[in-house]
Structure formats: structure tokens, C-alpha cells
Amino acid sequence: MVMEQFLAAKAAVESLNQGIEMLKTFEEVKDANNSATLRFDLNRKILEAQQYALEAQREQLNQQTRISELEQEIAHLKSWENFKEDYSLEEVSKGTYLYVSKENFSPEIWLCPNCFERAAKSILQANGAGVQTYYHSFKCPNCQETYNVSRHTRPGNWKQTKPT
């Protein structure tokens, strides 16, 4: 991209230099016919130089936009990495693994492992009792995945009822 900008700037300078040379020749020529042709060529070179300059500006703007997007993405990834360090994947009920805060937050929340792996924070929501109330169902509002947890296990007490 830098090479493209350099080439566009070089082409603009070359067009302007050619225009200057034509202008010098224009001063030397007294013939009306040659003068009109030189004027036309000079205007064409000036337009070319303007087009190259506009193209270079457009490319520079595109690069600045892309840099800004990448900086935002880096900031988001750094923020996610910091957030991610505060959670661990735990078996909260037999066969059910959820992301749980390493800190003792109140109220404790469970995060969807599917969304968590895609760098998204999605808090599981109680979805009612399961078949014959052997378990409680929690649903991710983002990916719609359902997780079944022992009816005795709830956020905040899962460590006491954790299977051995």
C-alpha cells in the first residue's frame, strides 16, 4: 500500500513536470495552432496530476480507516483476554461444564461455554425445570444452547454440590 502511494505521488510529480516543460515550450511558441495544442496537452497533464493526487488521498484514507479498525480489534481482544482470565471452565453438575468466575461475585453467574469460546460473554438464564424435575435447565440467550444442571445446583452453591 505504501508502494502504491509512492507510485501515485511519483506519477503526479511526473505529470506536473511534463506540464512545466510544456509551459516553457508554450512560451517559446508563437504559432497559434501549436499554442492551442500545447494548452490542451497542459490541461490534460494537470488533470492527470490531480487524478493521481486524489487516488493517493483515497488510498491513504482507506489505510487510515483499516488501521483504526485493527486498533479497535486489538483493544477488544486485549479486553477479552483480561476478562477471560477471571473465568474458568468448571463441571457444575455431572457432565455439564460452564464458565464460572474465579472471584466470589454476588450474584454468581454462569457463562455459556460455546459463546465464551467465540469471545462473547453470554449469561445463562434459568429456563425452568427439566423432565420430572431431576434437573434445572439453563439457556443461553445468544446461541440458544440449553444446559441441564442437577436440581440441587444453583449459581452460588454449585461448589458445595459439585460431584466428586
C-alpha atoms as a PDB file:
ATOM      1  CA  MET A   1       0.000   0.000   0.000  1.00  0.00           C
ATOM      2  CA  VAL A   2       2.866   2.364   0.751  1.00  0.00           C
ATOM      3  CA  MET A   3       4.377   1.450  -2.626  1.00  0.00           C
ATOM      4  CA  GLU A   4       1.068   2.306  -4.338  1.00  0.00           C
ATOM      5  CA  GLN A   5       1.027   5.711  -2.650  1.00  0.00           C
ATOM      6  CA  PHE A   6       4.635   6.302  -3.665  1.00  0.00           C
ATOM      7  CA  LEU A   7       3.904   5.366  -7.291  1.00  0.00           C
ATOM      8  CA  ALA A   8       0.803   7.583  -7.375  1.00  0.00           C
ATOM      9  CA  ALA A   9       2.768  10.530  -5.957  1.00  0.00           C
ATOM     10  CA  LYS A  10       5.608   9.895  -8.399  1.00  0.00           C
ATOM     11  CA  ALA A  11       3.154   9.832 -11.319  1.00  0.00           C
ATOM     12  CA  ALA A  12       1.598  13.100 -10.139  1.00  0.00           C
ATOM     13  CA  VAL A  13       5.025  14.766  -9.930  1.00  0.00           C
ATOM     14  CA  GLU A  14       5.984  13.452 -13.377  1.00  0.00           C
ATOM     15  CA  SER A  15       2.754  14.813 -14.853  1.00  0.00           C
ATOM     16  CA  LEU A  16       3.395  18.205 -13.281  1.00  0.00           C
ATOM     17  CA  ASN A  17       6.994  18.215 -14.542  1.00  0.00           C
ATOM     18  CA  GLN A  18       5.787  17.428 -18.049  1.00  0.00           C
ATOM     19  CA  GLY A  19       3.262  20.228 -17.698  1.00  0.00           C
ATOM     20  CA  ILE A  20       6.007  22.646 -16.689  1.00  0.00           C
ATOM     21  CA  GLU A  21       8.106  21.622 -19.689  1.00  0.00           C
ATOM     22  CA  MET A  22       5.093  22.184 -21.940  1.00  0.00           C
ATOM     23  CA  LEU A  23       4.555  25.577 -20.381  1.00  0.00           C
ATOM     24  CA  LYS A  24       8.154  26.537 -21.182  1.00  0.00           C
ATOM     25  CA  THR A  25       7.677  25.373 -24.744  1.00  0.00           C
ATOM     26  CA  PHE A  26       4.380  27.233 -24.850  1.00  0.00           C
ATOM     27  CA  GLU A  27       6.175  30.477 -24.061  1.00  0.00           C
ATOM     28  CA  GLU A  28       8.604  29.861 -26.889  1.00  0.00           C
ATOM     29  CA  VAL A  29       5.995  29.055 -29.488  1.00  0.00           C
ATOM     30  CA  LYS A  30       4.219  31.944 -31.114  1.00  0.00           C
ATOM     31  CA  ASP A  31       2.219  29.944 -33.558  1.00  0.00           C
ATOM     32  CA  ALA A  32      -1.494  29.962 -32.592  1.00  0.00           C
ATOM     33  CA  ASN A  33      -2.117  26.400 -33.728  1.00  0.00           C
ATOM     34  CA  ASN A  34       0.784  24.960 -31.723  1.00  0.00           C
ATOM     35  CA  SER A  35      -0.239  27.134 -28.783  1.00  0.00           C
ATOM     36  CA  ALA A  36      -3.761  25.647 -28.685  1.00  0.00           C
ATOM     37  CA  THR A  37      -2.361  22.101 -28.865  1.00  0.00           C
ATOM     38  CA  LEU A  38       0.099  22.845 -26.085  1.00  0.00           C
ATOM     39  CA  ARG A  39      -2.663  24.367 -23.957  1.00  0.00           C
ATOM     40  CA  PHE A  40      -4.770  21.259 -24.439  1.00  0.00           C
ATOM     41  CA  ASP A  41      -1.832  18.969 -23.509  1.00  0.00           C
ATOM     42  CA  LEU A  42      -1.020  21.115 -20.491  1.00  0.00           C
ATOM     43  CA  ASN A  43      -4.599  20.924 -19.217  1.00  0.00           C
ATOM     44  CA  ARG A  44      -4.586  17.149 -19.741  1.00  0.00           C
ATOM     45  CA  LYS A  45      -1.382  16.788 -17.692  1.00  0.00           C
ATOM     46  CA  ILE A  46      -2.779  18.955 -14.909  1.00  0.00           C
ATOM     47  CA  LEU A  47      -5.927  16.793 -14.799  1.00  0.00           C
ATOM     48  CA  GLU A  48      -3.796  13.636 -14.700  1.00  0.00           C
ATOM     49  CA  ALA A  49      -1.781  15.039 -11.807  1.00  0.00           C
ATOM     50  CA  GLN A  50      -4.995  15.881  -9.932  1.00  0.00           C
ATOM     51  CA  GLN A  51      -6.345  12.373 -10.533  1.00  0.00           C
ATOM     52  CA  TYR A  52      -3.146  10.787  -9.201  1.00  0.00           C
ATOM     53  CA  ALA A  53      -3.238  13.051  -6.154  1.00  0.00           C
ATOM     54  CA  LEU A  54      -6.891  12.176  -5.468  1.00  0.00           C
ATOM     55  CA  GLU A  55      -6.129   8.483  -5.872  1.00  0.00           C
ATOM     56  CA  ALA A  56      -3.253   8.757  -3.379  1.00  0.00           C
ATOM     57  CA  GLN A  57      -5.526  10.585  -0.893  1.00  0.00           C
ATOM     58  CA  ARG A  58      -8.233   7.936  -1.292  1.00  0.00           C
ATOM     59  CA  GLU A  59      -5.689   5.148  -0.675  1.00  0.00           C
ATOM     60  CA  GLN A  60      -4.343   6.976   2.375  1.00  0.00           C
ATOM     61  CA  LEU A  61      -7.873   7.346   3.778  1.00  0.00           C
ATOM     62  CA  ASN A  62      -8.523   3.623   3.199  1.00  0.00           C
ATOM     63  CA  GLN A  63      -5.318   2.769   5.043  1.00  0.00           C
ATOM     64  CA  GLN A  64      -6.162   5.078   7.948  1.00  0.00           C
ATOM     65  CA  THR A  65      -9.618   3.500   8.201  1.00  0.00           C
ATOM     66  CA  ARG A  66      -8.125  -0.011   8.200  1.00  0.00           C
ATOM     67  CA  ILE A  67      -5.557   0.969  10.847  1.00  0.00           C
ATOM     68  CA  SER A  68      -8.351   2.332  13.039  1.00  0.00           C
ATOM     69  CA  GLU A  69     -10.361  -0.891  12.610  1.00  0.00           C
ATOM     70  CA  LEU A  70      -7.330  -3.008  13.524  1.00  0.00           C
ATOM     71  CA  GLU A  71      -6.596  -0.865  16.584  1.00  0.00           C
ATOM     72  CA  GLN A  72     -10.197  -1.334  17.755  1.00  0.00           C
ATOM     73  CA  GLU A  73      -9.941  -5.085  17.193  1.00  0.00           C
ATOM     74  CA  ILE A  74      -6.696  -5.243  19.177  1.00  0.00           C
ATOM     75  CA  ALA A  75      -8.269  -3.277  22.033  1.00  0.00           C
ATOM     76  CA  HIS A  76     -11.272  -5.630  22.039  1.00  0.00           C
ATOM     77  CA  LEU A  77      -9.020  -8.709  22.074  1.00  0.00           C
ATOM     78  CA  LYS A  78      -6.905  -7.315  24.922  1.00  0.00           C
ATOM     79  CA  SER A  79     -10.049  -6.523  26.886  1.00  0.00           C
ATOM     80  CA  TRP A  80     -11.401 -10.027  26.239  1.00  0.00           C
ATOM     81  CA  GLU A  81      -8.105 -11.626  27.318  1.00  0.00           C
ATOM     82  CA  ASN A  82      -8.245  -9.683  30.608  1.00  0.00           C
ATOM     83  CA  PHE A  83     -11.883 -10.687  31.143  1.00  0.00           C
ATOM     84  CA  LYS A  84     -11.182 -14.316  30.203  1.00  0.00           C
ATOM     85  CA  GLU A  85      -8.524 -14.661  32.901  1.00  0.00           C
ATOM     86  CA  ASP A  86     -11.215 -14.173  35.571  1.00  0.00           C
ATOM     87  CA  TYR A  87     -13.211 -17.257  34.476  1.00  0.00           C
ATOM     88  CA  SER A  88     -12.565 -20.984  34.362  1.00  0.00           C
ATOM     89  CA  LEU A  89     -14.415 -23.915  32.837  1.00  0.00           C
ATOM     90  CA  GLU A  90     -15.891 -25.958  35.674  1.00  0.00           C
ATOM     91  CA  GLU A  91     -18.100 -29.037  35.931  1.00  0.00           C
ATOM     92  CA  VAL A  92     -21.068 -27.555  37.806  1.00  0.00           C
ATOM     93  CA  SER A  93     -23.152 -30.710  37.535  1.00  0.00           C
ATOM     94  CA  LYS A  94     -22.349 -34.202  36.280  1.00  0.00           C
ATOM     95  CA  GLY A  95     -21.385 -33.771  32.618  1.00  0.00           C
ATOM     96  CA  THR A  96     -22.270 -30.068  32.485  1.00  0.00           C
ATOM     97  CA  TYR A  97     -19.362 -27.681  32.069  1.00  0.00           C
ATOM     98  CA  LEU A  98     -19.865 -23.942  32.320  1.00  0.00           C
ATOM     99  CA  TYR A  99     -17.628 -20.919  32.706  1.00  0.00           C
ATOM    100  CA  VAL A 100     -17.619 -19.678  36.282  1.00  0.00           C
ATOM    101  CA  SER A 101     -15.944 -16.632  37.802  1.00  0.00           C
ATOM    102  CA  LYS A 102     -12.804 -17.319  39.821  1.00  0.00           C
ATOM    103  CA  GLU A 103     -13.871 -14.489  42.150  1.00  0.00           C
ATOM    104  CA  ASN A 104     -16.785 -14.700  44.557  1.00  0.00           C
ATOM    105  CA  PHE A 105     -19.201 -12.346  42.849  1.00  0.00           C
ATOM    106  CA  SER A 106     -22.690 -11.919  44.162  1.00  0.00           C
ATOM    107  CA  PRO A 107     -24.832 -12.992  42.495  1.00  0.00           C
ATOM    108  CA  GLU A 108     -22.699 -15.597  40.791  1.00  0.00           C
ATOM    109  CA  ILE A 109     -23.350 -16.105  37.113  1.00  0.00           C
ATOM    110  CA  TRP A 110     -22.639 -18.904  34.685  1.00  0.00           C
ATOM    111  CA  LEU A 111     -21.409 -18.165  31.181  1.00  0.00           C
ATOM    112  CA  CYS A 112     -22.160 -20.189  28.076  1.00  0.00           C
ATOM    113  CA  PRO A 113     -19.059 -22.183  27.031  1.00  0.00           C
ATOM    114  CA  ASN A 114     -19.992 -22.060  23.330  1.00  0.00           C
ATOM    115  CA  CYS A 115     -20.198 -18.281  23.299  1.00  0.00           C
ATOM    116  CA  PHE A 116     -17.199 -17.914  25.608  1.00  0.00           C
ATOM    117  CA  GLU A 117     -15.012 -19.772  23.088  1.00  0.00           C
ATOM    118  CA  ARG A 118     -16.152 -17.255  20.451  1.00  0.00           C
ATOM    119  CA  ALA A 119     -15.074 -14.374  22.709  1.00  0.00           C
ATOM    120  CA  ALA A 120     -18.626 -13.474  23.688  1.00  0.00           C
ATOM    121  CA  LYS A 121     -19.967 -13.077  27.208  1.00  0.00           C
ATOM    122  CA  SER A 122     -23.401 -14.670  27.407  1.00  0.00           C
ATOM    123  CA  ILE A 123     -25.007 -15.175  30.822  1.00  0.00           C
ATOM    124  CA  LEU A 124     -27.093 -18.345  31.100  1.00  0.00           C
ATOM    125  CA  GLN A 125     -30.736 -17.792  32.021  1.00  0.00           C
ATOM    126  CA  ALA A 126     -32.931 -20.158  34.040  1.00  0.00           C
ATOM    127  CA  ASN A 127     -35.235 -21.916  31.618  1.00  0.00           C
ATOM    128  CA  GLY A 128     -37.420 -23.899  34.019  1.00  0.00           C
ATOM    129  CA  ALA A 129     -37.352 -27.433  35.375  1.00  0.00           C
ATOM    130  CA  GLY A 130     -36.432 -30.414  33.256  1.00  0.00           C
ATOM    131  CA  VAL A 131     -38.107 -33.795  32.819  1.00  0.00           C
ATOM    132  CA  GLN A 132     -39.627 -34.924  36.138  1.00  0.00           C
ATOM    133  CA  THR A 133     -37.675 -32.046  37.765  1.00  0.00           C
ATOM    134  CA  TYR A 134     -34.446 -34.072  38.055  1.00  0.00           C
ATOM    135  CA  TYR A 135     -32.611 -31.070  36.741  1.00  0.00           C
ATOM    136  CA  HIS A 136     -32.956 -27.404  36.013  1.00  0.00           C
ATOM    137  CA  SER A 137     -32.498 -26.119  32.525  1.00  0.00           C
ATOM    138  CA  PHE A 138     -30.405 -23.029  31.711  1.00  0.00           C
ATOM    139  CA  LYS A 139     -30.474 -21.472  28.281  1.00  0.00           C
ATOM    140  CA  CYS A 140     -28.026 -19.201  26.516  1.00  0.00           C
ATOM    141  CA  PRO A 141     -29.867 -16.162  25.115  1.00  0.00           C
ATOM    142  CA  ASN A 142     -27.196 -15.762  22.456  1.00  0.00           C
ATOM    143  CA  CYS A 143     -26.697 -19.206  20.863  1.00  0.00           C
ATOM    144  CA  GLN A 144     -29.861 -20.822  22.333  1.00  0.00           C
ATOM    145  CA  GLU A 145     -27.883 -23.792  23.726  1.00  0.00           C
ATOM    146  CA  THR A 146     -29.518 -25.443  26.750  1.00  0.00           C
ATOM    147  CA  TYR A 147     -27.581 -26.785  29.738  1.00  0.00           C
ATOM    148  CA  ASN A 148     -29.065 -29.169  32.281  1.00  0.00           C
ATOM    149  CA  VAL A 149     -27.914 -28.845  35.868  1.00  0.00           C
ATOM    150  CA  SER A 150     -28.815 -31.016  38.858  1.00  0.00           C
ATOM    151  CA  ARG A 151     -31.905 -29.635  40.585  1.00  0.00           C
ATOM    152  CA  HIS A 152     -29.851 -29.095  43.733  1.00  0.00           C
ATOM    153  CA  THR A 153     -27.254 -26.996  41.928  1.00  0.00           C
ATOM    154  CA  ARG A 154     -27.682 -23.252  41.502  1.00  0.00           C
ATOM    155  CA  PRO A 155     -25.277 -20.427  40.821  1.00  0.00           C
ATOM    156  CA  GLY A 156     -23.677 -19.679  44.164  1.00  0.00           C
ATOM    157  CA  ASN A 157     -23.975 -23.182  45.630  1.00  0.00           C
ATOM    158  CA  TRP A 158     -22.587 -25.359  42.853  1.00  0.00           C
ATOM    159  CA  LYS A 159     -19.236 -25.753  44.632  1.00  0.00           C
ATOM    160  CA  GLN A 160     -20.954 -27.367  47.648  1.00  0.00           C
ATOM    161  CA  THR A 161     -22.953 -29.767  45.464  1.00  0.00           C
ATOM    162  CA  LYS A 162     -20.196 -30.399  42.923  1.00  0.00           C
ATOM    163  CA  PRO A 163     -19.983 -34.093  42.007  1.00  0.00           C
ATOM    164  CA  THR A 164     -16.980 -35.976  43.299  1.00  0.00           C
END
